[in-house]
Protein backbone atom coordinates (compact mmCIF):
# COMPACT_ATOMS: atom_id res chain seq x y z
CA UNK A 1 7.15 -3.19 3.39
CA UNK A 2 4.67 -0.42 2.52
CA UNK A 3 2.66 1.09 5.37
CA UNK A 4 -1.07 1.46 4.60
CA UNK A 5 -2.54 4.75 4.97
CA UNK A 6 -6.16 6.33 4.58
CA UNK A 7 -8.03 5.48 1.40
CA UNK A 8 -10.67 7.94 -0.02
CA UNK A 9 -10.92 8.06 -3.75
CA UNK A 10 -7.46 9.28 -4.63
CA UNK A 11 -7.81 7.70 -8.04
CA UNK A 12 -7.12 9.19 -11.50
CA UNK A 13 -10.06 9.68 -13.69
CA UNK A 14 -12.78 9.56 -11.09
CA UNK A 15 -14.34 12.96 -11.28
CA UNK A 16 -10.94 14.99 -10.69
CA UNK A 17 -12.87 17.60 -8.50
CA UNK A 18 -14.29 14.84 -6.46
CA UNK A 19 -11.03 12.90 -6.08
CA UNK A 20 -9.20 15.93 -4.95
CA UNK A 21 -11.74 16.75 -2.29
CA UNK A 22 -12.48 13.16 -1.36
CA UNK A 23 -8.92 12.25 -0.86
CA UNK A 24 -9.05 13.63 2.69
CA UNK A 25 -5.65 15.04 2.25
CA UNK A 26 -3.99 11.59 2.23
CA UNK A 27 -0.29 11.82 2.40
CA UNK A 28 2.16 10.16 -0.03
CA UNK A 29 3.04 6.46 0.41
CA UNK A 30 4.85 5.68 3.56
CA UNK A 31 7.70 3.26 3.90
CA UNK A 32 8.26 0.41 6.51
CA UNK A 33 10.00 2.91 8.68
CA UNK A 34 6.63 4.68 9.41
CA UNK A 35 5.84 4.22 13.23
CA UNK A 36 2.39 5.74 13.26
CA UNK A 37 -0.75 5.52 11.21
CA UNK A 38 -1.88 8.66 9.37
CA UNK A 39 -5.47 9.51 10.46
CA UNK A 40 -8.29 9.24 8.00
CA UNK A 41 -9.16 12.77 8.53
CA UNK A 42 -7.33 15.57 6.86
CA UNK A 43 -5.14 17.92 8.50
CA UNK A 44 -6.44 21.38 9.62
CA UNK A 45 -4.59 23.14 7.10
CA UNK A 46 -6.31 21.37 4.23
CA UNK A 47 -9.76 21.93 5.46
CA UNK A 48 -12.12 24.29 3.86
CA UNK A 49 -12.53 27.78 5.71
CA UNK A 50 -15.55 28.20 7.83
CA UNK A 51 -18.43 29.55 5.93
CA UNK A 52 -18.35 33.36 6.25
CA UNK A 53 -14.72 33.71 7.02
CA UNK A 54 -14.26 36.05 4.17
CA UNK A 55 -16.98 38.44 5.54
CA UNK A 56 -14.59 40.55 7.71
CA UNK A 57 -11.99 42.24 5.64
CA UNK A 58 -12.33 45.82 6.82
CA UNK A 59 -15.00 46.73 4.58
CA UNK A 60 -17.54 47.28 7.38
CA UNK A 61 -15.23 49.05 9.75
CA UNK A 62 -15.18 52.40 8.08
CA UNK A 63 -17.94 54.25 9.70
CA UNK A 64 -19.44 56.93 7.53
CA UNK A 65 -20.15 60.17 9.43
CA UNK A 66 -21.32 63.71 8.84
CA UNK A 67 -23.14 64.67 5.60
CA UNK A 68 -22.16 61.31 4.06
CA UNK A 69 -23.75 59.05 6.65
CA UNK A 70 -27.16 57.46 5.60
CA UNK A 71 -30.24 58.20 7.70
CA UNK A 72 -31.84 55.24 9.31
CA UNK A 73 -34.89 54.46 11.41
CA UNK A 74 -34.54 55.91 14.87
CA UNK A 75 -32.42 58.91 14.00
CA UNK A 76 -33.46 62.16 15.25
CA UNK A 77 -33.17 65.22 13.01
CA UNK A 78 -33.16 68.79 14.09
CA UNK A 79 -35.35 70.84 11.49
CA UNK A 80 -35.70 74.68 11.43
CA UNK A 81 -37.94 76.50 8.94
CA UNK A 82 -38.34 80.31 8.57
CA UNK A 83 -39.43 82.71 6.11
CA UNK A 84 -42.57 81.53 4.39
CA UNK A 85 -43.22 78.74 6.98
CA UNK A 86 -42.00 78.56 10.66
CA UNK A 87 -40.99 75.30 12.36
CA UNK A 88 -38.25 74.40 15.03
CA UNK A 89 -38.31 71.15 16.42
CA UNK A 90 -36.77 67.58 16.46
CA UNK A 91 -38.20 64.80 14.30
CA UNK A 92 -37.65 61.08 14.79
CA UNK A 93 -37.39 58.72 11.79
CA UNK A 94 -40.02 55.87 12.40
CA UNK A 95 -39.59 52.13 11.72
CA UNK A 96 -40.85 52.63 8.20
CA UNK A 97 -38.08 55.09 7.42
CA UNK A 98 -40.32 58.21 7.29
CA UNK A 99 -40.69 61.58 9.13
CA UNK A 100 -43.77 63.66 9.56
CA UNK A 101 -43.69 67.16 8.53
CA UNK A 102 -46.18 69.56 10.18
CA UNK A 103 -49.15 70.12 7.75
CA UNK A 104 -47.29 68.53 4.86
CA UNK A 105 -47.55 64.81 5.93
CA UNK A 106 -45.10 61.96 6.07
CA UNK A 107 -42.42 61.16 3.51
CA UNK A 108 -39.60 58.65 3.41
CA UNK A 109 -35.89 59.73 4.43
CA UNK A 110 -34.21 56.59 5.27
CA UNK A 111 -31.01 55.83 3.25
CA UNK A 112 -30.57 59.59 2.49
CA UNK A 113 -27.70 61.60 3.36
CA UNK A 114 -28.10 64.98 4.91
CA UNK A 115 -27.49 66.84 1.75
CA UNK A 116 -30.03 64.63 0.10
CA UNK A 117 -32.49 65.17 2.87
CA UNK A 118 -32.26 68.92 2.49
CA UNK A 119 -33.14 68.68 -1.15
CA UNK A 120 -36.08 66.48 -0.48
CA UNK A 121 -37.53 68.92 2.20
CA UNK A 122 -36.96 71.78 -0.20
CA UNK A 123 -38.84 69.92 -3.00
CA UNK A 124 -41.61 69.11 -0.55
CA UNK A 125 -42.05 72.69 0.52
CA UNK A 126 -41.81 73.82 -3.15
CA UNK A 127 -44.60 71.57 -4.09
CA UNK A 128 -46.69 73.13 -1.27
CA UNK A 129 -46.04 76.61 -2.65
CA UNK A 130 -43.63 77.57 0.11
CA UNK A 131 -40.55 78.27 -2.10
CA UNK A 132 -39.39 81.24 0.05
CA UNK A 133 -39.02 79.07 3.11
CA UNK A 134 -35.49 78.72 4.41
CA UNK A 135 -34.33 75.31 5.75
CA UNK A 136 -31.86 73.99 8.28
CA UNK A 137 -31.59 70.29 8.83
CA UNK A 138 -28.98 68.18 10.77
CA UNK A 139 -28.59 64.87 12.63
CA UNK A 140 -29.04 65.33 16.21
CA UNK A 141 -27.32 61.99 17.08
CA UNK A 142 -24.15 62.75 15.12
CA UNK A 143 -21.73 61.94 17.92
CA UNK A 144 -20.18 58.47 17.96
CA UNK A 145 -20.98 55.84 20.68
CA UNK A 146 -18.47 53.32 22.25
CA UNK A 147 -19.17 49.49 22.30
CA UNK A 148 -17.36 46.72 24.04
CA UNK A 149 -16.72 43.77 21.66
CA UNK A 150 -15.58 40.62 23.40
CA UNK A 151 -15.77 36.76 23.34
CA UNK A 152 -14.15 34.79 20.56
CA UNK A 153 -12.76 37.77 18.43
CA UNK A 154 -9.24 38.25 17.46
CA UNK A 155 -9.01 41.65 19.01
CA UNK A 156 -11.42 42.18 21.82
CA UNK A 157 -11.82 45.71 23.16
CA UNK A 158 -13.68 49.01 23.18
CA UNK A 159 -14.56 50.57 19.74
CA UNK A 160 -16.24 53.81 18.62
CA UNK A 161 -18.70 54.29 15.83
CA UNK A 162 -22.05 55.68 14.85
CA UNK A 163 -25.22 54.52 16.73
CA UNK A 164 -26.59 53.41 13.42
CA UNK A 165 -23.57 51.27 12.48
CA UNK A 166 -24.52 47.73 12.18
CA UNK A 167 -22.95 45.07 14.46
CA UNK A 168 -20.82 43.85 11.34
CA UNK A 169 -18.90 47.18 11.65
CA UNK A 170 -18.00 46.66 15.37
CA UNK A 171 -17.02 43.15 14.72
CA UNK A 172 -14.95 44.14 11.73
CA UNK A 173 -13.09 46.59 13.96
CA UNK A 174 -12.35 43.71 16.39
CA UNK A 175 -10.92 41.56 13.48
CA UNK A 176 -14.23 39.65 12.75
CA UNK A 177 -14.92 36.15 14.12
CA UNK A 178 -12.13 33.79 15.47
CA UNK A 179 -12.12 31.14 12.62
CA UNK A 180 -11.05 28.43 15.13
CA UNK A 181 -13.50 29.03 17.96
CA UNK A 182 -15.88 31.86 17.26
CA UNK A 183 -19.47 31.37 16.30
CA UNK A 184 -21.08 33.05 13.35
CA UNK A 185 -24.44 32.12 14.67
CA UNK A 186 -24.43 33.07 18.29
CA UNK A 187 -23.65 36.70 18.85
CA UNK A 188 -25.29 38.55 21.74
CA UNK A 189 -25.93 42.23 22.43
CA UNK A 190 -25.83 43.12 26.10
CA UNK A 191 -27.20 46.31 27.57
CA UNK A 192 -27.01 47.04 31.20
CA UNK A 193 -26.01 43.24 31.75
CA UNK A 194 -29.12 42.12 30.05
CA UNK A 195 -29.27 40.47 26.55
CA UNK A 196 -31.39 42.78 24.23
CA UNK A 197 -30.73 41.07 20.91
CA UNK A 198 -29.13 37.95 19.41
CA UNK A 199 -27.55 37.76 15.91
CA UNK A 200 -27.05 34.91 13.30
CA UNK A 201 -24.94 35.98 10.49
CA UNK A 202 -25.82 33.13 8.19
CA UNK A 203 -29.20 34.74 6.94
CA UNK A 204 -27.01 37.77 6.12
CA UNK A 205 -24.39 35.62 4.23
CA UNK A 206 -27.04 33.75 2.34
CA UNK A 207 -29.75 36.20 1.70
CA UNK A 208 -28.51 39.58 2.87
CA UNK A 209 -30.84 39.63 5.92
CA UNK A 210 -29.62 41.25 9.18
CA UNK A 211 -31.65 42.85 11.97
CA UNK A 212 -31.45 46.46 12.42
CA UNK A 213 -30.67 47.43 15.97
CA UNK A 214 -29.88 50.99 17.12
CA UNK A 215 -26.77 50.71 19.44
CA UNK A 216 -26.08 52.82 22.54
CA UNK A 217 -23.02 53.86 24.32
CA UNK A 218 -21.84 51.25 26.55
CA UNK A 219 -23.42 48.21 24.78
CA UNK A 220 -21.41 44.92 24.70
CA UNK A 221 -21.22 42.49 21.69
CA UNK A 222 -20.30 38.97 22.83
CA UNK A 223 -19.30 36.37 20.25
CA UNK A 224 -20.05 32.91 21.51
CA UNK A 225 -18.09 29.66 21.09
CA UNK A 226 -18.83 27.87 17.72
CA UNK A 227 -21.29 25.08 17.60
CA UNK A 228 -21.21 21.85 15.85
CA UNK A 229 -19.15 22.12 12.52
CA UNK A 230 -19.55 19.98 9.54
CA UNK A 231 -17.48 20.17 6.40
CA UNK A 232 -19.19 19.95 2.98
CA UNK A 233 -17.05 18.88 -0.08
CA UNK A 234 -17.36 17.35 -3.46
CA UNK A 235 -20.21 18.16 -5.85
CA UNK A 236 -21.50 21.18 -3.96
CA UNK A 237 -21.71 24.93 -4.76
CA UNK A 238 -20.64 26.04 -1.31
CA UNK A 239 -17.58 24.08 -0.20
CA UNK A 240 -17.04 25.13 3.45
CA UNK A 241 -17.23 24.12 7.09
CA UNK A 242 -20.69 24.96 8.20
CA UNK A 243 -21.89 25.72 11.82
CA UNK A 244 -24.96 24.45 13.32
CA UNK A 245 -27.01 25.61 16.15
CA UNK A 246 -27.88 23.17 18.93
CA UNK A 247 -30.17 20.35 17.56
CA UNK A 248 -29.98 21.41 13.99
CA UNK A 249 -27.08 19.30 12.82
CA UNK A 250 -28.99 17.11 10.38
CA UNK A 251 -28.16 16.10 6.63
CA UNK A 252 -31.05 18.28 5.20
CA UNK A 253 -29.65 21.29 7.05
CA UNK A 254 -26.24 20.76 5.47
CA UNK A 255 -27.80 20.10 1.96
CA UNK A 256 -29.65 23.58 2.22
CA UNK A 257 -26.38 25.34 3.20
CA UNK A 258 -23.99 23.57 0.85
CA UNK A 259 -26.26 23.53 -2.13
CA UNK A 260 -25.24 20.38 -3.88
CA UNK A 261 -25.18 20.25 -7.72
CA UNK A 262 -27.98 18.54 -9.50
CA UNK A 263 -25.87 15.69 -10.44
CA UNK A 264 -24.91 14.82 -6.83
CA UNK A 265 -26.66 11.50 -5.80
CA UNK A 266 -24.76 10.02 -2.93
CA UNK A 267 -22.89 11.21 0.22
CA UNK A 268 -19.80 9.80 1.77
CA UNK A 269 -19.75 10.76 5.53
CA UNK A 270 -16.42 10.39 7.54
CA UNK A 271 -16.39 11.24 11.23
CA UNK A 272 -16.06 10.04 14.67
CA UNK A 273 -18.59 8.50 17.04
CA UNK A 274 -17.86 7.57 20.71
CA UNK A 275 -14.15 7.92 20.00
CA UNK A 276 -14.16 5.33 17.15
CA UNK A 277 -13.87 6.02 13.31
CA UNK A 278 -17.28 6.41 11.69
CA UNK A 279 -17.96 6.11 7.91
CA UNK A 280 -21.15 5.87 5.97
CA UNK A 281 -21.96 5.87 2.28
CA UNK A 282 -25.68 6.45 1.43
CA UNK A 283 -27.94 8.04 -1.08
CA UNK A 284 -28.96 11.62 -0.65
CA UNK A 285 -32.52 11.07 0.46
CA UNK A 286 -31.23 8.79 3.34
CA UNK A 287 -28.59 11.41 4.23
CA UNK A 288 -31.46 14.01 4.89
CA UNK A 289 -32.56 12.48 8.11
CA UNK A 290 -29.07 11.61 9.32
CA UNK A 291 -27.95 13.24 12.58
CA UNK A 292 -24.46 14.83 12.20
CA UNK A 293 -21.70 15.39 14.67
CA UNK A 294 -19.03 17.90 15.22
CA UNK A 295 -16.10 17.31 12.96
CA UNK A 296 -18.01 15.27 10.31
CA UNK A 297 -16.97 15.58 6.70
CA UNK A 298 -19.66 15.07 3.98
CA UNK A 299 -18.50 14.35 0.35
CA UNK A 300 -21.19 14.91 -2.12
CA UNK A 301 -20.81 12.40 -5.03
CA UNK A 302 -22.19 12.19 -8.53
CA UNK A 303 -22.34 8.30 -8.38
CA UNK A 304 -23.66 7.55 -11.75
CA UNK A 305 -24.47 3.82 -11.96
CA UNK A 306 -21.67 1.86 -13.64
CA UNK A 307 -19.00 4.55 -12.92
CA UNK A 308 -18.13 3.63 -9.44
CA UNK A 309 -17.75 0.51 -7.10
CA UNK A 310 -17.83 0.05 -3.43
CA UNK A 311 -14.90 -1.62 -1.59
CA UNK A 312 -14.50 -2.52 2.03
CA UNK A 313 -11.56 -3.05 4.27
CA UNK A 314 -11.49 -5.12 7.42
CA UNK A 315 -9.04 -6.63 9.73
CA UNK A 316 -6.25 -4.77 11.55
CA UNK A 317 -7.32 -1.40 10.22
CA UNK A 318 -8.12 2.05 11.52
CA UNK A 319 -10.39 4.70 10.14
CA UNK A 320 -12.87 4.20 7.38
CA UNK A 321 -13.88 0.86 6.20
CA UNK A 322 -16.08 1.46 3.18
CA UNK A 323 -14.83 3.32 0.01
CA UNK A 324 -16.47 4.38 -3.28
CA UNK A 325 -13.95 3.87 -6.02
CA UNK A 326 -13.48 4.28 -9.78
CA UNK A 327 -14.57 1.15 -11.65
CA UNK A 328 -11.62 -1.14 -12.40
CA UNK A 329 -9.45 0.59 -9.80
CA UNK A 330 -6.52 -1.59 -9.22
CA UNK A 331 -5.06 -2.54 -5.72
CA UNK A 332 -1.70 -0.83 -6.19
CA UNK A 333 -3.66 2.38 -6.60
CA UNK A 334 -5.39 2.32 -3.25
CA UNK A 335 -3.49 -0.07 -0.94
CA UNK A 336 -1.09 2.74 0.29
CA UNK A 337 -3.91 4.80 1.71
CA UNK A 338 -5.57 2.25 3.97
CA UNK A 339 -5.03 3.21 7.67
CA UNK A 340 -3.73 0.22 9.56
CA UNK A 341 -2.31 -0.49 13.11
CA UNK A 342 1.33 -0.97 12.29
CA UNK A 343 1.85 -3.06 15.43
CA UNK A 344 -0.98 -5.51 14.55
CA UNK A 345 -1.18 -5.66 10.75
CA UNK A 346 0.22 -8.52 8.87
CA UNK A 347 0.73 -6.55 5.45
CA UNK A 348 2.08 -9.56 3.72
CA UNK A 349 -0.97 -11.65 4.49
CA UNK A 350 -3.34 -9.25 2.62
CA UNK A 351 -5.98 -10.97 0.69
CA UNK A 352 -9.35 -10.14 -0.97
CA UNK A 353 -12.78 -11.68 -0.45
CA UNK A 354 -14.70 -11.48 -3.66
CA UNK A 355 -18.46 -12.27 -4.29
CA UNK A 356 -17.95 -13.46 -7.85
CA UNK A 357 -15.19 -15.95 -6.83
CA UNK A 358 -17.44 -17.10 -3.79
CA UNK A 359 -20.26 -17.69 -6.35
CA UNK A 360 -18.02 -19.75 -8.72
CA UNK A 361 -16.67 -21.62 -5.74
CA UNK A 362 -20.21 -22.58 -4.63
CA UNK A 363 -21.20 -23.49 -8.14
CA UNK A 364 -18.15 -25.82 -8.34
CA UNK A 365 -19.00 -27.45 -5.11
CA UNK A 366 -22.66 -27.92 -6.11
CA UNK A 367 -21.70 -29.35 -9.48
CA UNK A 368 -19.29 -31.85 -7.75
CA UNK A 369 -21.97 -32.79 -5.42
CA UNK A 370 -24.56 -33.57 -8.03
CA UNK A 371 -22.05 -35.77 -10.01
CA UNK A 372 -21.11 -37.57 -6.78
CA UNK A 373 -24.86 -38.15 -6.03
CA UNK A 374 -25.56 -39.17 -9.63
CA UNK A 375 -22.64 -41.71 -9.55
CA UNK A 376 -23.99 -43.14 -6.36
CA UNK A 377 -27.54 -43.36 -7.49
CA UNK A 378 -26.50 -45.16 -10.71
CA UNK A 379 -24.11 -47.73 -9.23
CA UNK A 380 -25.03 -51.17 -9.73
CA UNK A 381 -24.29 -54.39 -7.81
CA UNK A 382 -24.26 -58.05 -8.73
CA UNK A 383 -24.52 -59.53 -5.20
CA UNK A 384 -26.68 -58.80 -2.19
CA UNK A 385 -23.55 -57.89 -0.24
CA UNK A 386 -22.54 -55.25 -2.82
CA UNK A 387 -26.01 -53.88 -2.87
CA UNK A 388 -25.85 -53.32 0.90
CA UNK A 389 -22.42 -51.73 0.57
CA UNK A 390 -23.90 -49.40 -2.25
CA UNK A 391 -26.93 -48.42 0.02
CA UNK A 392 -24.49 -47.65 2.69
CA UNK A 393 -22.58 -45.58 0.48
CA UNK A 394 -25.51 -43.76 -0.90
CA UNK A 395 -26.72 -42.88 2.53
CA UNK A 396 -23.21 -41.56 3.50
CA UNK A 397 -23.04 -39.50 0.29
CA UNK A 398 -26.34 -38.05 1.00
CA UNK A 399 -25.51 -36.93 4.44
CA UNK A 400 -22.12 -35.55 3.24
CA UNK A 401 -23.84 -33.67 0.41
CA UNK A 402 -26.31 -32.00 2.81
CA UNK A 403 -23.53 -30.78 5.08
CA UNK A 404 -21.45 -29.73 2.03
CA UNK A 405 -24.34 -27.62 0.65
CA UNK A 406 -24.48 -25.50 3.73
CA UNK A 407 -20.81 -24.31 3.41
CA UNK A 408 -20.58 -20.86 2.35
CA UNK A 409 -17.30 -20.16 0.41
CA UNK A 410 -15.50 -16.92 1.36
CA UNK A 411 -14.27 -16.16 -2.23
CA UNK A 412 -10.64 -15.45 -1.14
CA UNK A 413 -8.43 -14.21 -3.87
CA UNK A 414 -4.81 -14.69 -2.98
CA UNK A 415 -2.79 -11.73 -4.04
CA UNK A 416 0.36 -12.24 -2.03
CA UNK A 417 3.25 -14.69 -2.84
CA UNK A 418 6.77 -14.50 -1.91
CA UNK A 419 6.35 -11.11 -0.09
CA UNK A 420 4.85 -9.45 -3.17
CA UNK A 421 1.31 -8.44 -3.77
CA UNK A 422 -0.29 -8.80 -7.29
CA UNK A 423 -1.76 -5.65 -8.79
CA UNK A 424 -5.17 -6.94 -9.63
CA UNK A 425 -8.41 -4.93 -10.75
CA UNK A 426 -10.92 -4.57 -7.89
CA UNK A 427 -14.62 -5.49 -8.24
CA UNK A 428 -17.75 -3.95 -6.66
CA UNK A 429 -18.24 -5.54 -3.17
CA UNK A 430 -14.62 -6.63 -2.89
CA UNK A 431 -13.40 -6.79 0.87
CA UNK A 432 -9.69 -6.19 1.39
CA UNK A 433 -8.63 -8.08 4.49
CA UNK A 434 -5.44 -7.32 6.46
CA UNK A 435 -5.17 -10.09 8.90
CA UNK A 436 -3.58 -9.47 12.41
CA UNK A 437 -0.03 -10.66 13.05
CA UNK A 438 -0.23 -13.97 15.07
CA UNK A 439 2.28 -16.08 16.97
CA UNK A 440 -0.03 -19.16 17.09
CA UNK A 441 -0.95 -22.05 14.88
CA UNK A 442 -4.52 -23.07 14.67
CA UNK A 443 -5.07 -26.81 14.32
CA UNK A 444 -8.47 -27.89 13.28
CA UNK A 445 -10.36 -30.50 11.22
CA UNK A 446 -10.11 -34.09 12.26
CA UNK A 447 -8.16 -33.82 15.57
CA UNK A 448 -9.24 -34.65 18.93
CA UNK A 449 -9.22 -31.10 20.30
CA UNK A 450 -9.05 -28.24 17.68
CA UNK A 451 -7.04 -25.58 19.39
CA UNK A 452 -4.46 -22.84 18.86
CA UNK A 453 -0.87 -23.65 19.78
CA UNK A 454 2.08 -21.19 20.09
CA UNK A 455 4.28 -21.31 17.05
CA UNK A 456 7.93 -22.41 17.57
CA UNK A 457 10.48 -22.84 14.76
CA UNK A 458 11.70 -26.12 16.33
CA UNK A 459 8.22 -27.75 16.33
CA UNK A 460 7.19 -30.02 13.48
CA UNK A 461 3.79 -30.65 12.08
CA UNK A 462 3.18 -33.82 13.99
CA UNK A 463 3.94 -31.94 17.34
CA UNK A 464 1.21 -29.49 16.52
CA UNK A 465 -1.12 -32.44 15.78
CA UNK A 466 -0.03 -34.10 19.00
CA UNK A 467 -0.73 -30.86 20.92
CA UNK A 468 -4.39 -31.00 19.59
CA UNK A 469 -4.88 -34.50 20.87
CA UNK A 470 -3.80 -36.25 17.88
CA UNK A 471 -5.73 -37.49 14.76
CA UNK A 472 -9.25 -38.91 15.13
CA UNK A 473 -10.06 -42.28 13.76
CA UNK A 474 -11.74 -40.51 10.71
CA UNK A 475 -8.57 -38.59 9.88
CA UNK A 476 -6.51 -38.96 6.83
CA UNK A 477 -2.98 -38.39 8.02
CA UNK A 478 -1.79 -38.07 4.48
CA UNK A 479 -4.18 -35.40 3.50
CA UNK A 480 -3.20 -32.47 5.80
CA UNK A 481 -3.23 -28.84 4.51
CA UNK A 482 -1.48 -25.68 5.67
CA UNK A 483 -3.49 -22.41 5.27
CA UNK A 484 -1.35 -19.25 5.31
CA UNK A 485 -3.04 -16.02 6.76
CA UNK A 486 -3.06 -14.60 3.16
CA UNK A 487 -5.31 -17.63 1.76
CA UNK A 488 -2.37 -19.67 0.23
CA UNK A 489 -2.88 -23.22 0.91
CA UNK A 490 -0.21 -25.98 0.70
CA UNK A 491 -0.09 -29.77 1.47
CA UNK A 492 1.66 -30.15 4.84
CA UNK A 493 4.39 -32.22 3.27
CA UNK A 494 5.42 -29.37 0.82
CA UNK A 495 5.84 -26.49 3.33
CA UNK A 496 7.00 -25.57 6.82
CA UNK A 497 4.54 -24.48 9.53
CA UNK A 498 4.81 -20.69 9.88
CA UNK A 499 3.26 -18.23 12.55
CA UNK A 500 -0.35 -17.62 11.90
CA UNK A 501 -0.78 -20.88 9.79
CA UNK A 502 -3.89 -23.11 10.12
CA UNK A 503 -3.30 -26.71 10.03
CA UNK A 504 -6.29 -28.36 8.54
CA UNK A 505 -6.80 -32.24 8.68
CA UNK A 506 -9.10 -33.57 6.18
CA UNK A 507 -11.21 -36.73 6.83
CA UNK A 508 -10.47 -39.90 4.99
CA UNK A 509 -12.99 -41.54 2.71
CA UNK A 510 -13.92 -45.25 3.65
CA UNK A 511 -15.10 -46.65 0.36
CA UNK A 512 -13.96 -49.49 -1.84
CA UNK A 513 -15.40 -47.46 -4.94
CA UNK A 514 -12.24 -45.67 -6.08
CA UNK A 515 -14.40 -43.15 -7.98
CA UNK A 516 -16.32 -42.27 -4.86
CA UNK A 517 -13.06 -41.82 -2.93
CA UNK A 518 -11.70 -39.57 -5.68
CA UNK A 519 -14.91 -37.33 -6.10
CA UNK A 520 -15.26 -36.95 -2.25
CA UNK A 521 -11.70 -36.04 -1.79
CA UNK A 522 -11.90 -33.59 -4.45
CA UNK A 523 -14.98 -31.97 -2.92
CA UNK A 524 -13.28 -31.93 0.58
CA UNK A 525 -10.28 -30.13 -0.90
CA UNK A 526 -12.58 -27.76 -2.75
CA UNK A 527 -14.48 -26.84 0.54
CA UNK A 528 -11.20 -26.50 2.42
CA UNK A 529 -9.93 -24.03 -0.13
CA UNK A 530 -13.15 -22.08 -0.33
CA UNK A 531 -14.08 -21.99 3.38
CA UNK A 532 -10.97 -23.06 5.35
CA UNK A 533 -13.01 -25.78 6.99
CA UNK A 534 -12.97 -29.56 7.01
CA UNK A 535 -16.36 -31.17 7.24
CA UNK A 536 -16.97 -34.58 8.35
CA UNK A 537 -17.89 -37.53 6.18
CA UNK A 538 -20.46 -38.89 8.70
């Protein structure tokens, strides 16, 4: 017997990119020797990398020094002028990246090297008519500083660099952010034991924005533990695991980060809530306000009307219960990916509840009831006694029809026979039911005390009926049905009672009108097949 694993769109032809990402890394079909169910979430090895994990590859760690280092805000410059003009002092680059030359005014120097700065000062003096002035300029803060880098980094320790190096350079030297536990959005700078700055690397990753902070010797960079992580997959430009700061894990935030394709219209969300599997399939506008949890996986889908169907699973299953599939997907294509409880699941008893079949069953019952009522209404009698009998039957039929119309068929499609499952095409709204294994037999219908009785291979049908108190005075002992867990129905005289069966005793029809007996018996059987119940005549 085949073991049923996790189903998530592993179907050929349904937007290949979507199928590959929505499959949740489902493993190949398992055999009856499997002893555990594969979880509906993919393995860590198949998950997308955290957003920004490619940031630290050594490109920031090479500190530029000497004449090649760029001048930045806060740098101090030693400037000496002699010859035509005299000056000897220290100038500080302001927040606007400028220095103020005495009598010559301010001009920008940020981003220049020392060599470029020398040329720029010379040009400024030439423009003022001081071409004979000699110039010396140098960075006063050229010596390196040492920082401690700790927290969730691969190589915590003390690292040296220039005071104008960014936090990216020091993080790079420490190996970047630990991809399993480190946070890209919670990095603190401590100075003298107090927090002086906090960094979020997502604005830099998305827009190149990073606060400029002048580092000092003895500072400490602390990488915090990662926050809520949510995976984005499917029809999105950024397929990755995204981190959220506290209170910000909502669908709109993931949409902003993942940047779904214009054709994406729906989201399939798989996760865990309160220790139980959690699955939703909803439109993009509904997803925007949805609160997300750590470990969620959001699959963005281009669910064009007519291209996909929604199928559910229930019964002895684990994991997701609602699945978008390719239209006309077949049962054999998907049944090996439903996660089940191997100790509880009756895999041979699998059946399908289908809305279109339920509608046809309901229509067939209503049509039969109309014919029965029409037959009763047009019946004639030649005697007063016969008229009284016809009136009594018409009243009985009216009450029976009223109860019968309240029956809601389940639309069961029997797909198993002889231990084999038929490979049928699925329809939108189908419910794949995997019943639980059972060691009892349910006795219902026209018995005195409907109840469940433990199955025994040595117990005959009449003993089960006797265990339920025997037949009522309205029962038809010759019209007893056996309903298998998979929906198959047999007359009790044609099959043996098996574990999990339902014994359904139908009522007898008390009438001298053979057509009424025939019509009502047919309707009783239709209801038993459609809803697994036996309604009373009176």
